[in-house]
Amino acid sequence: MRRLVPIAILIAVLDQLSKLAILHTVDPNYPVVVIPGFFRLVNWGNSGAAWGLFHDSNMVLAIISIATLIGLFVFRKSFQIHRPSCQIAFGLIAGGILGNVTDRFRYGHVVDFLDFYVKSYHWPAFNIADSAICVGVGIYMVVTTFRPEPAAG
């Protein structure tokens, strides 16, 4: 557990700082093109989940997020949390959840600002918290699939 908490705090703080910077520098109506035809910074509020799912379900998603954090804590031993790689994975996941749930209570939506696109095809805008969650889930899946713990016996 000694890696999980510092990583979670670091991710949540970086996420909140990046969102504050975006809220103070990027007008929601005027995205900032960083790489023409590929990447821009936006200031979009998302009251749902990725890909427009559960639009205007901010409070329900906040409750699900908090329940997920509680579940991760309660069932931590079954997630092989004693393994350093799993601590890193769950630190990323917990920090990402904390970052986004903070937005849901603070702003009434999640602040998304990273917008990748090619011509008119856009990946859903996202943020540091979203990235941390995805990377954490990916690490956990790889570690537990390709380096499973030996069965007790």
N, C-alpha and C. Protein backbone atom coordinates (compact mmCIF):
# COMPACT_ATOMS: atom_id res chain seq x y z
N MET A 1 0.82 -1.20 0.00
CA MET A 1 0.00 0.00 0.00
C MET A 1 0.86 1.26 0.00
N ARG A 2 2.16 1.10 0.21
CA ARG A 2 2.97 2.31 0.36
C ARG A 2 3.14 3.07 -0.96
N ARG A 3 2.89 2.44 -2.10
CA ARG A 3 2.96 3.13 -3.39
C ARG A 3 1.60 3.70 -3.79
N LEU A 4 0.54 3.00 -3.44
CA LEU A 4 -0.80 3.35 -3.90
C LEU A 4 -1.21 4.76 -3.49
N VAL A 5 -1.14 5.08 -2.22
CA VAL A 5 -1.63 6.37 -1.72
C VAL A 5 -0.85 7.55 -2.31
N PRO A 6 0.49 7.55 -2.30
CA PRO A 6 1.20 8.69 -2.90
C PRO A 6 0.90 8.86 -4.39
N ILE A 7 0.78 7.75 -5.11
CA ILE A 7 0.48 7.84 -6.54
C ILE A 7 -0.92 8.41 -6.73
N ALA A 8 -1.88 7.94 -5.95
CA ALA A 8 -3.26 8.43 -6.06
C ALA A 8 -3.31 9.94 -5.78
N ILE A 9 -2.63 10.38 -4.76
CA ILE A 9 -2.62 11.81 -4.41
C ILE A 9 -1.95 12.61 -5.53
N LEU A 10 -0.81 12.13 -6.02
CA LEU A 10 -0.10 12.83 -7.09
C LEU A 10 -0.98 12.97 -8.33
N ILE A 11 -1.62 11.90 -8.74
CA ILE A 11 -2.48 11.94 -9.94
C ILE A 11 -3.64 12.91 -9.73
N ALA A 12 -4.30 12.83 -8.57
CA ALA A 12 -5.44 13.71 -8.31
C ALA A 12 -5.01 15.18 -8.32
N VAL A 13 -3.85 15.47 -7.72
CA VAL A 13 -3.35 16.85 -7.69
C VAL A 13 -2.97 17.33 -9.09
N LEU A 14 -2.23 16.53 -9.84
CA LEU A 14 -1.86 16.91 -11.21
C LEU A 14 -3.09 17.12 -12.07
N ASP A 15 -4.07 16.24 -11.91
CA ASP A 15 -5.30 16.37 -12.67
C ASP A 15 -6.00 17.69 -12.35
N GLN A 16 -6.16 17.99 -11.07
CA GLN A 16 -6.84 19.22 -10.68
C GLN A 16 -6.07 20.47 -11.12
N LEU A 17 -4.75 20.45 -11.01
CA LEU A 17 -3.95 21.60 -11.44
C LEU A 17 -4.06 21.81 -12.95
N SER A 18 -4.03 20.72 -13.71
CA SER A 18 -4.14 20.86 -15.17
C SER A 18 -5.50 21.41 -15.56
N LYS A 19 -6.55 20.97 -14.87
CA LYS A 19 -7.89 21.47 -15.17
C LYS A 19 -8.05 22.94 -14.79
N LEU A 20 -7.46 23.33 -13.67
CA LEU A 20 -7.49 24.76 -13.30
C LEU A 20 -6.80 25.60 -14.36
N ALA A 21 -5.67 25.12 -14.86
CA ALA A 21 -4.95 25.86 -15.90
C ALA A 21 -5.82 26.00 -17.15
N ILE A 22 -6.48 24.94 -17.53
CA ILE A 22 -7.34 24.97 -18.72
C ILE A 22 -8.51 25.93 -18.49
N LEU A 23 -9.16 25.83 -17.33
CA LEU A 23 -10.30 26.69 -17.04
C LEU A 23 -9.94 28.17 -17.06
N HIS A 24 -8.68 28.48 -16.72
CA HIS A 24 -8.25 29.88 -16.69
C HIS A 24 -7.62 30.38 -17.99
N THR A 25 -7.31 29.47 -18.91
CA THR A 25 -6.61 29.91 -20.12
C THR A 25 -7.30 29.56 -21.43
N VAL A 26 -8.20 28.59 -21.45
CA VAL A 26 -8.82 28.17 -22.71
C VAL A 26 -10.31 28.50 -22.68
N ASP A 27 -10.72 29.35 -23.60
CA ASP A 27 -12.14 29.70 -23.74
C ASP A 27 -12.88 28.49 -24.32
N PRO A 28 -14.02 28.11 -23.71
CA PRO A 28 -14.76 26.95 -24.22
C PRO A 28 -15.15 27.06 -25.70
N ASN A 29 -15.26 28.28 -26.20
CA ASN A 29 -15.65 28.48 -27.60
C ASN A 29 -14.48 28.57 -28.57
N TYR A 30 -13.26 28.62 -28.03
CA TYR A 30 -12.09 28.79 -28.88
C TYR A 30 -10.98 27.82 -28.50
N PRO A 31 -11.01 26.60 -29.04
CA PRO A 31 -9.95 25.63 -28.75
C PRO A 31 -8.59 26.16 -29.18
N VAL A 32 -7.55 25.67 -28.53
CA VAL A 32 -6.18 26.06 -28.86
C VAL A 32 -5.54 24.92 -29.65
N VAL A 33 -5.27 25.17 -30.90
CA VAL A 33 -4.65 24.15 -31.75
C VAL A 33 -3.18 24.03 -31.38
N VAL A 34 -2.77 22.81 -31.03
CA VAL A 34 -1.38 22.54 -30.65
C VAL A 34 -0.66 21.92 -31.83
N ILE A 35 -1.26 20.91 -32.44
CA ILE A 35 -0.72 20.27 -33.65
C ILE A 35 -1.85 20.29 -34.67
N PRO A 36 -1.75 21.16 -35.67
CA PRO A 36 -2.85 21.28 -36.64
C PRO A 36 -3.23 19.92 -37.26
N GLY A 37 -4.51 19.68 -37.31
CA GLY A 37 -5.02 18.45 -37.90
C GLY A 37 -4.89 17.22 -37.02
N PHE A 38 -4.44 17.41 -35.73
CA PHE A 38 -4.23 16.23 -34.88
C PHE A 38 -4.58 16.44 -33.41
N PHE A 39 -4.19 17.59 -32.83
CA PHE A 39 -4.36 17.76 -31.38
C PHE A 39 -4.63 19.21 -31.03
N ARG A 40 -5.61 19.39 -30.13
CA ARG A 40 -5.90 20.72 -29.62
C ARG A 40 -6.33 20.64 -28.16
N LEU A 41 -6.19 21.75 -27.47
CA LEU A 41 -6.67 21.88 -26.10
C LEU A 41 -8.07 22.49 -26.15
N VAL A 42 -8.99 21.89 -25.44
CA VAL A 42 -10.35 22.38 -25.38
C VAL A 42 -10.74 22.59 -23.92
N ASN A 43 -11.87 23.20 -23.69
CA ASN A 43 -12.39 23.38 -22.35
C ASN A 43 -13.85 22.94 -22.39
N TRP A 44 -14.06 21.64 -22.24
CA TRP A 44 -15.39 21.08 -22.37
C TRP A 44 -15.84 20.45 -21.06
N GLY A 45 -17.06 20.72 -20.68
CA GLY A 45 -17.66 20.09 -19.51
C GLY A 45 -18.40 18.83 -19.94
N ASN A 46 -18.17 17.75 -19.23
CA ASN A 46 -18.79 16.47 -19.55
C ASN A 46 -19.59 15.99 -18.33
N SER A 47 -20.91 16.04 -18.44
CA SER A 47 -21.75 15.60 -17.32
C SER A 47 -22.09 14.12 -17.42
N GLY A 48 -21.47 13.44 -18.38
CA GLY A 48 -21.71 12.01 -18.54
C GLY A 48 -20.39 11.25 -18.46
N ALA A 49 -20.28 10.23 -19.29
CA ALA A 49 -19.07 9.41 -19.36
C ALA A 49 -18.51 9.50 -20.79
N ALA A 50 -17.51 8.72 -21.09
CA ALA A 50 -16.88 8.75 -22.41
C ALA A 50 -17.88 8.44 -23.52
N TRP A 51 -17.61 8.98 -24.68
CA TRP A 51 -18.42 8.77 -25.89
C TRP A 51 -19.86 9.24 -25.72
N GLY A 52 -20.09 10.19 -24.83
CA GLY A 52 -21.43 10.73 -24.63
C GLY A 52 -22.39 9.81 -23.88
N LEU A 53 -21.86 8.73 -23.32
CA LEU A 53 -22.72 7.82 -22.58
C LEU A 53 -23.20 8.48 -21.28
N PHE A 54 -24.41 8.21 -20.90
CA PHE A 54 -24.99 8.68 -19.64
C PHE A 54 -24.95 10.20 -19.50
N HIS A 55 -25.21 10.90 -20.61
CA HIS A 55 -25.22 12.36 -20.62
C HIS A 55 -26.16 12.88 -19.54
N ASP A 56 -25.74 13.93 -18.85
CA ASP A 56 -26.50 14.56 -17.76
C ASP A 56 -26.77 13.60 -16.59
N SER A 57 -25.84 12.71 -16.33
CA SER A 57 -25.96 11.77 -15.20
C SER A 57 -24.86 12.03 -14.18
N ASN A 58 -24.50 13.28 -14.00
CA ASN A 58 -23.37 13.66 -13.16
C ASN A 58 -23.43 13.06 -11.76
N MET A 59 -24.55 13.22 -11.07
CA MET A 59 -24.63 12.76 -9.69
C MET A 59 -24.61 11.24 -9.61
N VAL A 60 -25.27 10.56 -10.53
CA VAL A 60 -25.24 9.09 -10.54
C VAL A 60 -23.81 8.61 -10.75
N LEU A 61 -23.10 9.24 -11.69
CA LEU A 61 -21.71 8.84 -11.95
C LEU A 61 -20.80 9.18 -10.77
N ALA A 62 -21.08 10.26 -10.06
CA ALA A 62 -20.30 10.59 -8.86
C ALA A 62 -20.50 9.52 -7.80
N ILE A 63 -21.73 9.08 -7.61
CA ILE A 63 -22.02 8.03 -6.61
C ILE A 63 -21.36 6.71 -7.01
N ILE A 64 -21.42 6.37 -8.30
CA ILE A 64 -20.77 5.14 -8.78
C ILE A 64 -19.26 5.24 -8.56
N SER A 65 -18.69 6.40 -8.79
CA SER A 65 -17.24 6.60 -8.59
C SER A 65 -16.85 6.39 -7.13
N ILE A 66 -17.61 6.97 -6.24
CA ILE A 66 -17.32 6.82 -4.81
C ILE A 66 -17.50 5.36 -4.39
N ALA A 67 -18.55 4.71 -4.88
CA ALA A 67 -18.76 3.29 -4.57
C ALA A 67 -17.62 2.44 -5.10
N THR A 68 -17.09 2.79 -6.26
CA THR A 68 -15.96 2.07 -6.83
C THR A 68 -14.72 2.22 -5.95
N LEU A 69 -14.44 3.43 -5.49
CA LEU A 69 -13.30 3.64 -4.60
C LEU A 69 -13.45 2.84 -3.31
N ILE A 70 -14.65 2.84 -2.75
CA ILE A 70 -14.90 2.06 -1.54
C ILE A 70 -14.71 0.57 -1.82
N GLY A 71 -15.23 0.11 -2.95
CA GLY A 71 -15.07 -1.30 -3.33
C GLY A 71 -13.62 -1.69 -3.52
N LEU A 72 -12.85 -0.82 -4.14
CA LEU A 72 -11.42 -1.10 -4.32
C LEU A 72 -10.73 -1.23 -2.97
N PHE A 73 -11.11 -0.38 -2.03
CA PHE A 73 -10.50 -0.46 -0.70
C PHE A 73 -10.93 -1.73 0.04
N VAL A 74 -12.22 -1.99 0.05
CA VAL A 74 -12.75 -3.14 0.79
C VAL A 74 -12.21 -4.47 0.25
N PHE A 75 -12.11 -4.57 -1.06
CA PHE A 75 -11.69 -5.83 -1.68
C PHE A 75 -10.24 -5.81 -2.14
N ARG A 76 -9.43 -4.90 -1.59
CA ARG A 76 -8.05 -4.72 -2.05
C ARG A 76 -7.21 -5.99 -2.02
N LYS A 77 -7.41 -6.84 -1.04
CA LYS A 77 -6.60 -8.06 -0.94
C LYS A 77 -6.86 -9.01 -2.10
N SER A 78 -8.09 -9.02 -2.61
CA SER A 78 -8.38 -9.91 -3.73
C SER A 78 -7.84 -9.35 -5.05
N PHE A 79 -7.37 -8.10 -5.04
CA PHE A 79 -6.77 -7.51 -6.24
C PHE A 79 -5.24 -7.60 -6.22
N GLN A 80 -4.68 -8.44 -5.35
CA GLN A 80 -3.23 -8.65 -5.25
C GLN A 80 -2.50 -7.34 -4.94
N ILE A 81 -3.09 -6.54 -4.07
CA ILE A 81 -2.58 -5.21 -3.76
C ILE A 81 -1.21 -5.23 -3.09
N HIS A 82 -0.78 -6.37 -2.60
CA HIS A 82 0.55 -6.47 -1.99
C HIS A 82 1.66 -6.43 -3.04
N ARG A 83 1.31 -6.65 -4.30
CA ARG A 83 2.30 -6.61 -5.39
C ARG A 83 2.58 -5.16 -5.78
N PRO A 84 3.85 -4.77 -5.91
CA PRO A 84 4.17 -3.38 -6.25
C PRO A 84 3.50 -2.90 -7.54
N SER A 85 3.47 -3.72 -8.57
CA SER A 85 2.85 -3.31 -9.83
C SER A 85 1.36 -3.08 -9.67
N CYS A 86 0.71 -3.86 -8.83
CA CYS A 86 -0.72 -3.68 -8.58
C CYS A 86 -0.96 -2.43 -7.75
N GLN A 87 -0.04 -2.10 -6.86
CA GLN A 87 -0.16 -0.87 -6.09
C GLN A 87 -0.08 0.34 -7.03
N ILE A 88 0.83 0.28 -7.98
CA ILE A 88 0.96 1.36 -8.96
C ILE A 88 -0.32 1.47 -9.77
N ALA A 89 -0.81 0.33 -10.26
CA ALA A 89 -2.03 0.33 -11.07
C ALA A 89 -3.20 0.92 -10.29
N PHE A 90 -3.39 0.48 -9.06
CA PHE A 90 -4.52 0.98 -8.29
C PHE A 90 -4.31 2.40 -7.80
N GLY A 91 -3.07 2.84 -7.65
CA GLY A 91 -2.81 4.24 -7.35
C GLY A 91 -3.26 5.13 -8.51
N LEU A 92 -2.95 4.69 -9.73
CA LEU A 92 -3.38 5.43 -10.91
C LEU A 92 -4.90 5.46 -11.02
N ILE A 93 -5.52 4.31 -10.81
CA ILE A 93 -6.99 4.23 -10.91
C ILE A 93 -7.65 5.10 -9.83
N ALA A 94 -7.21 4.95 -8.59
CA ALA A 94 -7.81 5.71 -7.49
C ALA A 94 -7.60 7.21 -7.68
N GLY A 95 -6.41 7.61 -8.10
CA GLY A 95 -6.14 9.03 -8.34
C GLY A 95 -7.00 9.59 -9.46
N GLY A 96 -7.18 8.81 -10.50
CA GLY A 96 -8.04 9.24 -11.60
C GLY A 96 -9.48 9.38 -11.17
N ILE A 97 -9.97 8.42 -10.41
CA ILE A 97 -11.34 8.50 -9.91
C ILE A 97 -11.50 9.72 -9.01
N LEU A 98 -10.54 9.94 -8.12
CA LEU A 98 -10.60 11.11 -7.23
C LEU A 98 -10.61 12.42 -8.01
N GLY A 99 -9.78 12.50 -9.04
CA GLY A 99 -9.74 13.71 -9.86
C GLY A 99 -11.07 14.00 -10.52
N ASN A 100 -11.67 12.99 -11.13
CA ASN A 100 -12.94 13.21 -11.83
C ASN A 100 -14.11 13.41 -10.88
N VAL A 101 -14.13 12.68 -9.76
CA VAL A 101 -15.25 12.86 -8.83
C VAL A 101 -15.16 14.24 -8.17
N THR A 102 -13.95 14.75 -7.98
CA THR A 102 -13.80 16.12 -7.46
C THR A 102 -14.46 17.11 -8.41
N ASP A 103 -14.24 16.95 -9.71
CA ASP A 103 -14.87 17.82 -10.71
C ASP A 103 -16.39 17.73 -10.64
N ARG A 104 -16.90 16.52 -10.50
CA ARG A 104 -18.36 16.33 -10.50
C ARG A 104 -19.01 17.11 -9.37
N PHE A 105 -18.35 17.16 -8.20
CA PHE A 105 -18.91 17.92 -7.08
C PHE A 105 -18.57 19.41 -7.19
N ARG A 106 -17.39 19.71 -7.68
CA ARG A 106 -16.93 21.09 -7.73
C ARG A 106 -17.57 21.90 -8.85
N TYR A 107 -17.68 21.29 -10.05
CA TYR A 107 -18.17 22.01 -11.22
C TYR A 107 -19.51 21.51 -11.76
N GLY A 108 -19.94 20.35 -11.29
CA GLY A 108 -21.17 19.76 -11.82
C GLY A 108 -20.95 18.99 -13.10
N HIS A 109 -19.70 18.81 -13.47
CA HIS A 109 -19.30 18.03 -14.65
C HIS A 109 -17.79 17.79 -14.57
N VAL A 110 -17.31 16.90 -15.41
CA VAL A 110 -15.87 16.64 -15.51
C VAL A 110 -15.30 17.56 -16.57
N VAL A 111 -14.15 18.15 -16.30
CA VAL A 111 -13.47 19.02 -17.25
C VAL A 111 -12.58 18.16 -18.15
N ASP A 112 -12.91 18.13 -19.43
CA ASP A 112 -12.08 17.42 -20.42
C ASP A 112 -11.37 18.45 -21.27
N PHE A 113 -10.11 18.17 -21.62
CA PHE A 113 -9.37 19.19 -22.36
C PHE A 113 -8.40 18.67 -23.41
N LEU A 114 -8.16 17.39 -23.48
CA LEU A 114 -7.26 16.84 -24.49
C LEU A 114 -8.09 16.30 -25.64
N ASP A 115 -7.96 16.90 -26.82
CA ASP A 115 -8.79 16.55 -27.97
C ASP A 115 -7.90 16.14 -29.14
N PHE A 116 -7.88 14.83 -29.43
CA PHE A 116 -7.13 14.30 -30.56
C PHE A 116 -8.09 14.03 -31.71
N TYR A 117 -7.66 14.35 -32.92
CA TYR A 117 -8.55 14.19 -34.07
C TYR A 117 -7.74 14.06 -35.36
N VAL A 118 -8.38 13.51 -36.37
CA VAL A 118 -7.85 13.47 -37.73
C VAL A 118 -9.01 13.86 -38.63
N LYS A 119 -8.87 14.98 -39.30
CA LYS A 119 -9.94 15.57 -40.10
C LYS A 119 -11.17 15.75 -39.22
N SER A 120 -12.29 15.14 -39.58
CA SER A 120 -13.51 15.32 -38.77
C SER A 120 -13.72 14.19 -37.77
N TYR A 121 -12.76 13.28 -37.67
CA TYR A 121 -12.87 12.15 -36.75
C TYR A 121 -12.17 12.50 -35.43
N HIS A 122 -12.95 12.57 -34.36
CA HIS A 122 -12.42 12.94 -33.06
C HIS A 122 -12.50 11.77 -32.09
N TRP A 123 -11.42 11.58 -31.35
CA TRP A 123 -11.46 10.69 -30.18
C TRP A 123 -12.17 11.50 -29.12
N PRO A 124 -12.95 10.89 -28.22
CA PRO A 124 -13.59 11.70 -27.18
C PRO A 124 -12.55 12.47 -26.36
N ALA A 125 -12.82 13.73 -26.10
CA ALA A 125 -11.91 14.54 -25.29
C ALA A 125 -11.77 13.89 -23.91
N PHE A 126 -10.59 14.03 -23.33
CA PHE A 126 -10.32 13.40 -22.04
C PHE A 126 -9.38 14.27 -21.22
N ASN A 127 -8.93 13.75 -20.09
CA ASN A 127 -8.08 14.52 -19.18
C ASN A 127 -7.05 13.59 -18.53
N ILE A 128 -6.27 14.13 -17.62
CA ILE A 128 -5.23 13.34 -16.96
C ILE A 128 -5.84 12.21 -16.13
N ALA A 129 -6.95 12.50 -15.44
CA ALA A 129 -7.61 11.46 -14.63
C ALA A 129 -8.04 10.28 -15.49
N ASP A 130 -8.65 10.58 -16.64
CA ASP A 130 -9.09 9.51 -17.55
C ASP A 130 -7.89 8.68 -18.01
N SER A 131 -6.80 9.36 -18.34
CA SER A 131 -5.60 8.66 -18.78
C SER A 131 -5.05 7.76 -17.68
N ALA A 132 -5.02 8.26 -16.45
CA ALA A 132 -4.50 7.47 -15.33
C ALA A 132 -5.35 6.22 -15.10
N ILE A 133 -6.67 6.37 -15.19
CA ILE A 133 -7.55 5.22 -15.01
C ILE A 133 -7.26 4.17 -16.08
N CYS A 134 -7.19 4.59 -17.33
CA CYS A 134 -6.95 3.64 -18.44
C CYS A 134 -5.59 2.97 -18.32
N VAL A 135 -4.56 3.74 -18.00
CA VAL A 135 -3.22 3.16 -17.85
C VAL A 135 -3.20 2.20 -16.66
N GLY A 136 -3.83 2.59 -15.55
CA GLY A 136 -3.88 1.72 -14.38
C GLY A 136 -4.58 0.40 -14.67
N VAL A 137 -5.72 0.46 -15.35
CA VAL A 137 -6.43 -0.77 -15.72
C VAL A 137 -5.56 -1.61 -16.65
N GLY A 138 -4.89 -0.96 -17.60
CA GLY A 138 -4.01 -1.69 -18.52
C GLY A 138 -2.87 -2.39 -17.80
N ILE A 139 -2.22 -1.69 -16.89
CA ILE A 139 -1.13 -2.28 -16.11
C ILE A 139 -1.64 -3.48 -15.33
N TYR A 140 -2.77 -3.30 -14.66
CA TYR A 140 -3.32 -4.39 -13.85
C TYR A 140 -3.64 -5.61 -14.71
N MET A 141 -4.24 -5.39 -15.87
CA MET A 141 -4.59 -6.51 -16.75
C MET A 141 -3.35 -7.24 -17.25
N VAL A 142 -2.34 -6.48 -17.66
CA VAL A 142 -1.11 -7.11 -18.16
C VAL A 142 -0.41 -7.90 -17.05
N VAL A 143 -0.28 -7.27 -15.89
CA VAL A 143 0.44 -7.92 -14.78
C VAL A 143 -0.27 -9.19 -14.34
N THR A 144 -1.58 -9.13 -14.17
CA THR A 144 -2.30 -10.29 -13.66
C THR A 144 -2.52 -11.36 -14.73
N THR A 145 -2.45 -10.97 -15.99
CA THR A 145 -2.61 -11.96 -17.07
C THR A 145 -1.29 -12.65 -17.39
N PHE A 146 -0.23 -11.87 -17.53
CA PHE A 146 1.04 -12.42 -17.97
C PHE A 146 2.02 -12.75 -16.85
N ARG A 147 1.74 -12.28 -15.64
CA ARG A 147 2.58 -12.59 -14.49
C ARG A 147 1.70 -12.90 -13.30
N PRO A 148 0.81 -13.89 -13.45
CA PRO A 148 -0.09 -14.21 -12.33
C PRO A 148 0.67 -14.74 -11.14
N GLU A 149 0.07 -14.56 -9.98
CA GLU A 149 0.67 -15.13 -8.77
C GLU A 149 0.54 -16.64 -8.81
N PRO A 150 1.53 -17.34 -8.31
CA PRO A 150 1.41 -18.81 -8.24
C PRO A 150 0.26 -19.19 -7.31
N ALA A 151 -0.44 -20.24 -7.64
CA ALA A 151 -1.54 -20.72 -6.80
C ALA A 151 -0.99 -21.21 -5.47
N ALA A 152 -1.72 -20.91 -4.42
CA ALA A 152 -1.33 -21.39 -3.09
C ALA A 152 -1.57 -22.89 -3.02
N GLY A 153 -0.70 -23.56 -2.35
CA GLY A 153 -0.97 -24.98 -2.28
C GLY A 153 0.18 -25.70 -1.78
